[in-house]
Amino acid sequence: MVAQHFSRAVNHFVAEQTRRKRSRIESMIRELSLRIANLDKDIAAEERRTRITDPKHFAYSIYAKAAAVRRDNLLRTIEGLKEQTILEELPSASAGDREVAMGCGEDLGAISPALSSLTRRLATALP
């Protein structure tokens, strides 16, 4: 009886922590999306000011280049956060599969089998 109660309490705690983590990640994604929109506006304003819209032009604004790099980094961050939320929703994905799928694997020989394993698990987990 005590073990059942403890088990339910642990499950409730884990579910609550997962919900909070997902909420924080969604909030971060919204905030980063707003930053990206502001950077897009800043880049467009700088291009209008300098009248040069080609990033490869020798006189292209350094600020616009830096803002574009920052925007691209934020886009990659958002993609990583989305991958993280998707992988955490899959109960059958192991920690190793998550690491490989998030691009943290270093050995290319080890990535292929783990990636195929993750793909199989995704296929069975999704309707």
Protein backbone atom coordinates (compact mmCIF):
# COMPACT_ATOMS: atom_id res chain seq x y z
CA MET A 1 0.00 0.00 0.00
CA VAL A 2 2.75 2.44 0.94
CA ALA A 3 4.72 1.38 -2.13
CA GLN A 4 1.71 2.07 -4.37
CA HIS A 5 1.22 5.50 -2.85
CA PHE A 6 4.93 6.26 -3.23
CA SER A 7 4.88 5.05 -6.84
CA ARG A 8 1.89 7.27 -7.65
CA ALA A 9 3.57 10.24 -5.98
CA VAL A 10 6.75 9.67 -7.99
CA ASN A 11 4.80 9.32 -11.23
CA HIS A 12 2.89 12.51 -10.46
CA PHE A 13 6.13 14.34 -9.66
CA VAL A 14 7.78 13.16 -12.89
CA ALA A 15 4.73 14.14 -14.94
CA GLU A 16 4.65 17.58 -13.30
CA GLN A 17 8.38 18.11 -13.91
CA THR A 18 7.95 17.11 -17.56
CA ARG A 19 5.03 19.51 -17.96
CA ARG A 20 7.03 22.35 -16.38
CA LYS A 21 10.05 21.63 -18.56
CA ARG A 22 7.90 21.57 -21.72
CA SER A 23 6.30 24.85 -20.66
CA ARG A 24 9.72 26.47 -20.14
CA ILE A 25 10.93 25.24 -23.52
CA GLU A 26 7.80 26.53 -25.27
CA SER A 27 8.28 29.89 -23.55
CA MET A 28 11.91 30.00 -24.68
CA ILE A 29 10.86 29.22 -28.26
CA ARG A 30 8.32 32.07 -28.22
CA GLU A 31 10.91 34.49 -26.80
CA LEU A 32 13.55 33.45 -29.33
CA SER A 33 11.02 33.80 -32.16
CA LEU A 34 10.38 37.38 -31.08
CA ARG A 35 14.12 38.06 -31.04
CA ILE A 36 14.40 36.62 -34.55
CA ALA A 37 11.59 38.87 -35.77
CA ASN A 38 13.34 41.91 -34.24
CA LEU A 39 16.63 40.92 -35.85
CA ASP A 40 14.89 40.56 -39.22
CA LYS A 41 13.50 44.08 -38.81
CA ASP A 42 16.92 45.42 -37.82
CA ILE A 43 18.58 43.75 -40.81
CA ALA A 44 15.96 45.14 -43.18
CA ALA A 45 16.31 48.63 -41.69
CA GLU A 46 20.11 48.49 -41.99
CA GLU A 47 19.86 47.34 -45.61
CA ARG A 48 17.47 50.19 -46.39
CA ARG A 49 19.78 52.65 -44.66
CA THR A 50 22.86 51.51 -46.57
CA ARG A 51 20.95 50.65 -49.77
CA ILE A 52 22.94 47.40 -50.06
CA THR A 53 20.99 44.17 -49.76
CA ASP A 54 23.55 41.67 -51.02
CA PRO A 55 25.48 40.12 -48.10
CA LYS A 56 28.34 39.26 -50.49
CA HIS A 57 28.81 42.88 -51.53
CA PHE A 58 32.10 44.30 -50.25
CA ALA A 59 30.35 47.27 -48.61
CA TYR A 60 27.55 45.27 -46.93
CA SER A 61 26.93 46.44 -43.39
CA ILE A 62 28.94 44.63 -40.72
CA TYR A 63 26.03 45.09 -38.32
CA ALA A 64 23.65 43.42 -40.78
CA LYS A 65 26.09 40.51 -41.20
CA ALA A 66 26.42 40.07 -37.44
CA ALA A 67 22.65 40.29 -36.94
CA ALA A 68 22.11 37.67 -39.66
CA VAL A 69 24.59 35.31 -37.99
CA ARG A 70 22.85 35.84 -34.65
CA ARG A 71 19.45 35.20 -36.25
CA ASP A 72 20.72 31.97 -37.85
CA ASN A 73 22.09 30.81 -34.49
CA LEU A 74 18.75 31.49 -32.84
CA LEU A 75 16.97 29.53 -35.58
CA ARG A 76 19.25 26.56 -34.93
CA THR A 77 18.60 26.88 -31.21
CA ILE A 78 14.84 26.78 -31.81
CA GLU A 79 15.21 23.68 -33.99
CA GLY A 80 17.24 22.00 -31.24
CA LEU A 81 14.62 22.85 -28.63
CA LYS A 82 11.86 21.46 -30.86
CA GLU A 83 13.84 18.25 -31.37
CA GLN A 84 14.34 17.99 -27.62
CA THR A 85 10.62 18.26 -26.91
CA ILE A 86 9.80 15.68 -29.58
CA LEU A 87 12.38 13.22 -28.26
CA GLU A 88 11.27 13.63 -24.66
CA GLU A 89 7.71 12.78 -25.66
CA LEU A 90 8.92 9.36 -26.81
CA PRO A 91 9.14 7.12 -23.76
CA SER A 92 10.96 4.38 -25.65
CA ALA A 93 13.89 6.53 -26.80
CA SER A 94 16.99 5.79 -24.79
CA ALA A 95 19.43 8.47 -23.64
CA GLY A 96 21.93 7.33 -26.28
CA ASP A 97 19.34 7.68 -29.04
CA ARG A 98 18.47 11.15 -27.81
CA GLU A 99 22.12 12.17 -27.80
CA VAL A 100 22.67 10.92 -31.34
CA ALA A 101 19.46 12.46 -32.65
CA MET A 102 20.37 15.83 -31.15
CA GLY A 103 23.67 15.82 -33.02
CA CYS A 104 25.93 15.19 -30.04
CA GLY A 105 27.38 11.91 -31.29
CA GLU A 106 31.03 12.01 -32.32
CA ASP A 107 31.67 8.58 -33.82
CA LEU A 108 30.03 8.33 -37.23
CA GLY A 109 30.19 4.54 -37.12
CA ALA A 110 28.12 4.53 -33.93
CA ILE A 111 25.63 7.09 -35.19
CA SER A 112 24.23 5.02 -38.04
CA PRO A 113 22.97 2.05 -35.97
CA ALA A 114 21.62 4.33 -33.24
CA LEU A 115 19.88 6.53 -35.77
CA SER A 116 18.25 3.56 -37.47
CA SER A 117 17.18 2.31 -34.03
CA LEU A 118 15.65 5.71 -33.27
CA THR A 119 13.90 5.75 -36.65
CA ARG A 120 12.36 2.32 -35.94
CA ARG A 121 11.21 3.49 -32.52
CA LEU A 122 9.69 6.65 -33.98
CA ALA A 123 7.83 4.61 -36.58
CA THR A 124 6.33 2.36 -33.93
CA ALA A 125 5.57 5.16 -31.46
CA LEU A 126 3.80 7.48 -33.87
CA PRO A 127 0.29 6.68 -35.13
